[in-house]
Structures are given as structure tokens and as C-alpha cells.
Amino acid sequence: MNTEHLDTKALRIVQEDTLKQLQDQESNVKELQNKLSSINEKLTKKEKLSDADVQYIGNLGWLTGLSVAIAAAAASL
């Protein structure tokens, strides 16, 4: 086996791992979007937010960082 073949194989493995990670993150993002939609619906109906809802809203900064990381990983493909 030559070095070029090994490099290509290694690159393919990295790309497949990155794709799997992106798919996992996409699933997580969908769950988070559902939660956000639920909170938005409560706000629209002027219902009281639970402590978990308030905590979720407080974590939105972290979610923004996650979305940047996902975009960076996708761009590296």
C-alpha cells in the first residue's frame, strides 16, 4: 500500500466520523428546536413557564456556541 492510499483511507475515516457526529448533533438540534417551539407556544398563550423552561432559555447562549461548532464541522467536510 502506498502512502497516498493510506492518506485517502484516513481522510475517508475522518470524514465518516465527522458525518456521524454531525448527524448526532442534528438529532440533538431537532430536540432542542422542539423544546423551543413548546416554550414559544406557552409564551404565545401567556402560560406560566416551568423552572425547566426558564433554565432552557438561560442556556440559549450555550446552544448558540453549539450551532457555531456544528457549522464549523460541516464546513470542514
C-alpha atoms as a PDB file:
ATOM      1  CA  MET A   1       0.000   0.000   0.000  1.00  0.00           C
ATOM      2  CA  ASN A   2       1.325   3.391  -0.818  1.00  0.00           C
ATOM      3  CA  THR A   3       1.188   6.485   1.335  1.00  0.00           C
ATOM      4  CA  GLU A   4      -1.372   8.212  -0.872  1.00  0.00           C
ATOM      5  CA  HIS A   5      -3.786   5.304  -0.448  1.00  0.00           C
ATOM      6  CA  LEU A   6      -3.323   5.375   3.332  1.00  0.00           C
ATOM      7  CA  ASP A   7      -3.873   9.141   3.404  1.00  0.00           C
ATOM      8  CA  THR A   8      -7.057   8.774   1.369  1.00  0.00           C
ATOM      9  CA  LYS A   9      -8.317   5.998   3.626  1.00  0.00           C
ATOM     10  CA  ALA A  10      -7.517   8.015   6.762  1.00  0.00           C
ATOM     11  CA  LEU A  11      -9.278  11.057   5.318  1.00  0.00           C
ATOM     12  CA  ARG A  12     -12.336   8.961   4.482  1.00  0.00           C
ATOM     13  CA  ILE A  13     -12.446   7.614   8.053  1.00  0.00           C
ATOM     14  CA  VAL A  14     -12.237  11.140   9.462  1.00  0.00           C
ATOM     15  CA  GLN A  15     -14.984  12.323   7.105  1.00  0.00           C
ATOM     16  CA  GLU A  16     -17.234   9.417   8.082  1.00  0.00           C
ATOM     17  CA  ASP A  17     -16.650  10.099  11.782  1.00  0.00           C
ATOM     18  CA  THR A  18     -17.365  13.791  11.271  1.00  0.00           C
ATOM     19  CA  LEU A  19     -20.543  12.979   9.339  1.00  0.00           C
ATOM     20  CA  LYS A  20     -21.724  10.689  12.157  1.00  0.00           C
ATOM     21  CA  GLN A  21     -21.048  13.444  14.693  1.00  0.00           C
ATOM     22  CA  LEU A  22     -22.982  15.933  12.569  1.00  0.00           C
ATOM     23  CA  GLN A  23     -25.907  13.540  12.283  1.00  0.00           C
ATOM     24  CA  ASP A  24     -25.921  13.071  16.053  1.00  0.00           C
ATOM     25  CA  GLN A  25     -25.810  16.834  16.553  1.00  0.00           C
ATOM     26  CA  GLU A  26     -28.602  17.314  14.021  1.00  0.00           C
ATOM     27  CA  SER A  27     -30.760  14.993  16.084  1.00  0.00           C
ATOM     28  CA  ASN A  28     -29.920  16.992  19.221  1.00  0.00           C
ATOM     29  CA  VAL A  29     -30.743  20.251  17.459  1.00  0.00           C
ATOM     30  CA  LYS A  30     -34.127  18.892  16.398  1.00  0.00           C
ATOM     31  CA  GLU A  31     -34.913  18.012  20.014  1.00  0.00           C
ATOM     32  CA  LEU A  32     -33.852  21.481  21.114  1.00  0.00           C
ATOM     33  CA  GLN A  33     -35.972  23.100  18.410  1.00  0.00           C
ATOM     34  CA  ASN A  34     -38.985  21.123  19.594  1.00  0.00           C
ATOM     35  CA  LYS A  35     -38.401  22.322  23.143  1.00  0.00           C
ATOM     36  CA  LEU A  36     -38.038  25.903  21.974  1.00  0.00           C
ATOM     37  CA  SER A  37     -41.257  25.609  19.965  1.00  0.00           C
ATOM     38  CA  SER A  38     -43.025  24.330  23.069  1.00  0.00           C
ATOM     39  CA  ILE A  39     -41.773  27.291  25.105  1.00  0.00           C
ATOM     40  CA  ASN A  40     -42.744  29.683  22.343  1.00  0.00           C
ATOM     41  CA  GLU A  41     -46.252  28.225  22.295  1.00  0.00           C
ATOM     42  CA  LYS A  42     -46.540  28.735  26.066  1.00  0.00           C
ATOM     43  CA  LEU A  43     -45.419  32.332  25.673  1.00  0.00           C
ATOM     44  CA  THR A  44     -47.920  32.903  22.871  1.00  0.00           C
ATOM     45  CA  LYS A  45     -50.705  31.523  25.077  1.00  0.00           C
ATOM     46  CA  LYS A  46     -49.355  33.579  28.026  1.00  0.00           C
ATOM     47  CA  GLU A  47     -48.959  30.415  30.102  1.00  0.00           C
ATOM     48  CA  LYS A  48     -46.595  30.247  33.043  1.00  0.00           C
ATOM     49  CA  LEU A  49     -43.148  28.839  32.226  1.00  0.00           C
ATOM     50  CA  SER A  50     -41.805  25.989  34.312  1.00  0.00           C
ATOM     51  CA  ASP A  51     -38.415  26.186  36.027  1.00  0.00           C
ATOM     52  CA  ALA A  52     -37.064  23.841  33.338  1.00  0.00           C
ATOM     53  CA  ASP A  53     -38.327  26.213  30.640  1.00  0.00           C
ATOM     54  CA  VAL A  54     -36.597  29.151  32.289  1.00  0.00           C
ATOM     55  CA  GLN A  55     -33.384  27.141  32.622  1.00  0.00           C
ATOM     56  CA  TYR A  56     -33.584  26.201  28.942  1.00  0.00           C
ATOM     57  CA  ILE A  57     -33.907  29.847  27.957  1.00  0.00           C
ATOM     58  CA  GLY A  58     -30.892  30.612  30.152  1.00  0.00           C
ATOM     59  CA  ASN A  59     -28.871  28.002  28.275  1.00  0.00           C
ATOM     60  CA  LEU A  60     -29.542  29.503  24.850  1.00  0.00           C
ATOM     61  CA  GLY A  61     -26.087  31.118  24.816  1.00  0.00           C
ATOM     62  CA  TRP A  62     -24.560  27.654  25.066  1.00  0.00           C
ATOM     63  CA  LEU A  63     -26.780  26.495  22.237  1.00  0.00           C
ATOM     64  CA  THR A  64     -25.538  29.335  20.072  1.00  0.00           C
ATOM     65  CA  GLY A  65     -21.980  28.145  20.677  1.00  0.00           C
ATOM     66  CA  LEU A  66     -23.021  24.629  19.729  1.00  0.00           C
ATOM     67  CA  SER A  67     -24.530  25.806  16.468  1.00  0.00           C
ATOM     68  CA  VAL A  68     -21.268  27.594  15.596  1.00  0.00           C
ATOM     69  CA  ALA A  69     -19.322  24.400  16.320  1.00  0.00           C
ATOM     70  CA  ILE A  70     -21.674  22.382  14.106  1.00  0.00           C
ATOM     71  CA  ALA A  71     -21.332  24.891  11.279  1.00  0.00           C
ATOM     72  CA  ALA A  72     -17.543  24.792  11.576  1.00  0.00           C
ATOM     73  CA  ALA A  73     -17.518  20.991  11.491  1.00  0.00           C
ATOM     74  CA  ALA A  74     -19.802  20.957   8.461  1.00  0.00           C
ATOM     75  CA  ALA A  75     -17.572  23.461   6.673  1.00  0.00           C
ATOM     76  CA  SER A  76     -14.550  21.235   7.256  1.00  0.00           C
ATOM     77  CA  LEU A  77     -16.129  18.396   5.258  1.00  0.00           C
END
